[in-house]
């Protein structure tokens, strides 16, 4: 039986210890990544719409790398947006990061507030599958 393994990249220990959730959980060859927001390693909000989107993708990459995966292993992407008018900019940023492999399934959802605090505009949740 595959036991769940918490994935906690360096710099995200506070998420696990203080906020009490795993940045990702790996079960077998599947990685379930918690929603990543535009927060830096000091757990501070990154300023600027595009900068927040970039930081969320950088955080997603970091979590995946810590689990032995990359963005090319993502099969399902769910994004939450406080302003759906940002979708065009988000897709431009996304397309800089998702450049190899088949494109993942994607669901975009409008949300009132993200990250448990005002100011966050995007959250990215993903499922990745490693090859057998």
C-alpha atoms as a PDB file:
ATOM      1  CA  UNK A   1       0.000   0.000   0.000  1.00  0.00           C
ATOM      2  CA  UNK A   2       1.222   3.507  -0.816  1.00  0.00           C
ATOM      3  CA  UNK A   3       1.542   5.676   2.261  1.00  0.00           C
ATOM      4  CA  UNK A   4       0.954   9.408   1.937  1.00  0.00           C
ATOM      5  CA  UNK A   5       4.138  11.472   2.246  1.00  0.00           C
ATOM      6  CA  UNK A   6       4.039  15.178   3.115  1.00  0.00           C
ATOM      7  CA  UNK A   7       6.128  17.273   0.733  1.00  0.00           C
ATOM      8  CA  UNK A   8       7.598  20.309   2.495  1.00  0.00           C
ATOM      9  CA  UNK A   9      10.137  22.268   0.432  1.00  0.00           C
ATOM     10  CA  UNK A  10      12.849  24.304   2.131  1.00  0.00           C
ATOM     11  CA  UNK A  11      11.388  27.698   2.909  1.00  0.00           C
ATOM     12  CA  UNK A  12       7.845  26.354   3.329  1.00  0.00           C
ATOM     13  CA  UNK A  13       8.280  24.758   6.739  1.00  0.00           C
ATOM     14  CA  UNK A  14       6.193  27.518   8.348  1.00  0.00           C
ATOM     15  CA  UNK A  15       3.222  26.509   6.206  1.00  0.00           C
ATOM     16  CA  UNK A  16       3.348  23.004   7.655  1.00  0.00           C
ATOM     17  CA  UNK A  17       4.257  23.975  11.212  1.00  0.00           C
ATOM     18  CA  UNK A  18       2.225  27.174  11.746  1.00  0.00           C
ATOM     19  CA  UNK A  19      -0.654  27.045   9.276  1.00  0.00           C
ATOM     20  CA  UNK A  20      -0.788  23.229   9.546  1.00  0.00           C
ATOM     21  CA  UNK A  21      -1.104  21.905   6.023  1.00  0.00           C
ATOM     22  CA  UNK A  22       1.285  20.193   3.648  1.00  0.00           C
ATOM     23  CA  UNK A  23       2.341  22.113   0.546  1.00  0.00           C
ATOM     24  CA  UNK A  24       1.814  18.763  -1.203  1.00  0.00           C
ATOM     25  CA  UNK A  25       1.125  15.135  -0.454  1.00  0.00           C
ATOM     26  CA  UNK A  26       2.642  12.361  -2.549  1.00  0.00           C
ATOM     27  CA  UNK A  27       0.859   9.017  -2.772  1.00  0.00           C
ATOM     28  CA  UNK A  28       2.568   6.507  -5.034  1.00  0.00           C
ATOM     29  CA  UNK A  29       3.357   8.363  -8.239  1.00  0.00           C
ATOM     30  CA  UNK A  30       0.666  11.021  -7.759  1.00  0.00           C
ATOM     31  CA  UNK A  31       1.370  14.416  -6.194  1.00  0.00           C
ATOM     32  CA  UNK A  32      -1.461  16.533  -4.831  1.00  0.00           C
ATOM     33  CA  UNK A  33      -0.277  20.141  -4.532  1.00  0.00           C
ATOM     34  CA  UNK A  34      -2.080  22.510  -2.184  1.00  0.00           C
ATOM     35  CA  UNK A  35      -3.056  25.901  -3.519  1.00  0.00           C
ATOM     36  CA  UNK A  36       0.014  28.061  -4.094  1.00  0.00           C
ATOM     37  CA  UNK A  37      -0.312  31.812  -3.739  1.00  0.00           C
ATOM     38  CA  UNK A  38       1.841  34.859  -4.438  1.00  0.00           C
ATOM     39  CA  UNK A  39       3.703  34.646  -1.143  1.00  0.00           C
ATOM     40  CA  UNK A  40       7.484  34.685  -0.900  1.00  0.00           C
ATOM     41  CA  UNK A  41       9.714  32.525   1.340  1.00  0.00           C
ATOM     42  CA  UNK A  42       9.267  35.049   4.175  1.00  0.00           C
ATOM     43  CA  UNK A  43       5.508  34.408   3.862  1.00  0.00           C
ATOM     44  CA  UNK A  44       4.955  37.964   2.612  1.00  0.00           C
ATOM     45  CA  UNK A  45       2.528  38.988  -0.114  1.00  0.00           C
ATOM     46  CA  UNK A  46       4.289  39.793  -3.391  1.00  0.00           C
ATOM     47  CA  UNK A  47       3.136  43.140  -4.789  1.00  0.00           C
ATOM     48  CA  UNK A  48       1.846  43.511  -8.337  1.00  0.00           C
ATOM     49  CA  UNK A  49      -0.657  41.375 -10.242  1.00  0.00           C
ATOM     50  CA  UNK A  50       1.765  39.730 -12.669  1.00  0.00           C
ATOM     51  CA  UNK A  51       4.416  39.364  -9.950  1.00  0.00           C
ATOM     52  CA  UNK A  52       1.935  37.492  -7.752  1.00  0.00           C
ATOM     53  CA  UNK A  53       1.045  35.143 -10.582  1.00  0.00           C
ATOM     54  CA  UNK A  54       4.716  34.505 -11.303  1.00  0.00           C
ATOM     55  CA  UNK A  55       5.405  33.863  -7.604  1.00  0.00           C
ATOM     56  CA  UNK A  56       2.503  31.400  -7.400  1.00  0.00           C
ATOM     57  CA  UNK A  57       3.969  29.452 -10.353  1.00  0.00           C
ATOM     58  CA  UNK A  58       7.460  29.629  -8.826  1.00  0.00           C
ATOM     59  CA  UNK A  59       6.026  28.203  -5.593  1.00  0.00           C
ATOM     60  CA  UNK A  60       4.250  25.475  -7.555  1.00  0.00           C
ATOM     61  CA  UNK A  61       7.532  24.593  -9.303  1.00  0.00           C
ATOM     62  CA  UNK A  62       9.356  24.461  -5.968  1.00  0.00           C
ATOM     63  CA  UNK A  63       6.801  22.104  -4.439  1.00  0.00           C
ATOM     64  CA  UNK A  64       6.808  19.848  -7.483  1.00  0.00           C
ATOM     65  CA  UNK A  65      10.627  19.733  -7.592  1.00  0.00           C
ATOM     66  CA  UNK A  66      10.690  18.740  -3.918  1.00  0.00           C
ATOM     67  CA  UNK A  67       8.495  15.789  -4.838  1.00  0.00           C
ATOM     68  CA  UNK A  68      10.711  14.790  -7.779  1.00  0.00           C
ATOM     69  CA  UNK A  69       8.391  16.260 -10.414  1.00  0.00           C
ATOM     70  CA  UNK A  70       8.137  19.262 -12.710  1.00  0.00           C
ATOM     71  CA  UNK A  71       5.412  21.292 -14.368  1.00  0.00           C
ATOM     72  CA  UNK A  72       5.481  18.846 -17.283  1.00  0.00           C
ATOM     73  CA  UNK A  73       4.060  16.209 -14.894  1.00  0.00           C
ATOM     74  CA  UNK A  74       0.969  18.301 -14.062  1.00  0.00           C
ATOM     75  CA  UNK A  75      -2.223  16.647 -15.317  1.00  0.00           C
ATOM     76  CA  UNK A  76      -4.806  18.830 -13.556  1.00  0.00           C
ATOM     77  CA  UNK A  77      -4.643  22.526 -12.725  1.00  0.00           C
ATOM     78  CA  UNK A  78      -7.263  24.423 -10.738  1.00  0.00           C
ATOM     79  CA  UNK A  79      -6.858  28.170 -10.364  1.00  0.00           C
ATOM     80  CA  UNK A  80      -8.788  30.568  -8.187  1.00  0.00           C
ATOM     81  CA  UNK A  81      -9.025  34.258  -9.095  1.00  0.00           C
ATOM     82  CA  UNK A  82     -10.381  37.210  -7.147  1.00  0.00           C
ATOM     83  CA  UNK A  83     -10.937  39.059 -10.421  1.00  0.00           C
ATOM     84  CA  UNK A  84     -11.735  36.999 -13.511  1.00  0.00           C
ATOM     85  CA  UNK A  85     -10.747  39.999 -15.639  1.00  0.00           C
ATOM     86  CA  UNK A  86      -7.154  38.935 -14.824  1.00  0.00           C
ATOM     87  CA  UNK A  87      -7.607  35.676 -16.733  1.00  0.00           C
ATOM     88  CA  UNK A  88      -5.935  36.961 -19.898  1.00  0.00           C
ATOM     89  CA  UNK A  89      -2.828  38.051 -17.966  1.00  0.00           C
ATOM     90  CA  UNK A  90      -2.878  34.812 -15.990  1.00  0.00           C
ATOM     91  CA  UNK A  91      -2.935  32.752 -19.205  1.00  0.00           C
ATOM     92  CA  UNK A  92       0.072  34.688 -20.511  1.00  0.00           C
ATOM     93  CA  UNK A  93       2.004  33.901 -17.321  1.00  0.00           C
ATOM     94  CA  UNK A  94       0.790  30.286 -17.285  1.00  0.00           C
ATOM     95  CA  UNK A  95       1.961  29.775 -20.860  1.00  0.00           C
ATOM     96  CA  UNK A  96       5.498  30.810 -19.852  1.00  0.00           C
ATOM     97  CA  UNK A  97       5.544  27.946 -17.346  1.00  0.00           C
ATOM     98  CA  UNK A  98       3.575  25.169 -19.059  1.00  0.00           C
ATOM     99  CA  UNK A  99       5.760  24.681 -22.105  1.00  0.00           C
ATOM    100  CA  UNK A 100       6.355  20.920 -22.379  1.00  0.00           C
ATOM    101  CA  UNK A 101       4.259  17.804 -22.386  1.00  0.00           C
ATOM    102  CA  UNK A 102       0.546  17.656 -22.992  1.00  0.00           C
ATOM    103  CA  UNK A 103      -1.369  20.561 -21.510  1.00  0.00           C
ATOM    104  CA  UNK A 104      -3.132  19.720 -18.238  1.00  0.00           C
ATOM    105  CA  UNK A 105      -6.859  19.841 -17.646  1.00  0.00           C
ATOM    106  CA  UNK A 106      -7.667  23.302 -16.258  1.00  0.00           C
ATOM    107  CA  UNK A 107     -10.487  24.796 -14.230  1.00  0.00           C
ATOM    108  CA  UNK A 108     -10.572  28.508 -13.358  1.00  0.00           C
ATOM    109  CA  UNK A 109     -12.818  29.599 -10.496  1.00  0.00           C
ATOM    110  CA  UNK A 110     -13.763  33.061  -9.263  1.00  0.00           C
ATOM    111  CA  UNK A 111     -13.265  33.535  -5.517  1.00  0.00           C
ATOM    112  CA  UNK A 112     -13.952  36.356  -3.096  1.00  0.00           C
ATOM    113  CA  UNK A 113     -10.739  36.061  -1.028  1.00  0.00           C
ATOM    114  CA  UNK A 114      -7.624  33.889  -1.192  1.00  0.00           C
ATOM    115  CA  UNK A 115      -4.728  33.054   1.101  1.00  0.00           C
ATOM    116  CA  UNK A 116      -6.682  33.889   4.221  1.00  0.00           C
ATOM    117  CA  UNK A 117      -5.800  37.578   3.908  1.00  0.00           C
ATOM    118  CA  UNK A 118      -6.639  40.537   1.676  1.00  0.00           C
ATOM    119  CA  UNK A 119      -4.442  41.268  -1.314  1.00  0.00           C
ATOM    120  CA  UNK A 120      -3.932  37.802  -2.782  1.00  0.00           C
ATOM    121  CA  UNK A 121      -5.360  37.587  -6.305  1.00  0.00           C
ATOM    122  CA  UNK A 122      -4.570  34.049  -7.494  1.00  0.00           C
ATOM    123  CA  UNK A 123      -4.165  30.552  -6.066  1.00  0.00           C
ATOM    124  CA  UNK A 124      -2.930  27.562  -8.073  1.00  0.00           C
ATOM    125  CA  UNK A 125      -3.730  23.964  -7.075  1.00  0.00           C
ATOM    126  CA  UNK A 126      -2.388  21.042  -9.072  1.00  0.00           C
ATOM    127  CA  UNK A 127      -2.224  17.283  -9.431  1.00  0.00           C
ATOM    128  CA  UNK A 128       0.896  15.788 -11.020  1.00  0.00           C
ATOM    129  CA  UNK A 129       1.660  12.208 -11.970  1.00  0.00           C
ATOM    130  CA  UNK A 130       5.170  10.816 -12.229  1.00  0.00           C
ATOM    131  CA  UNK A 131       5.925   8.149 -14.846  1.00  0.00           C
ATOM    132  CA  UNK A 132       5.898   4.536 -13.627  1.00  0.00           C
END
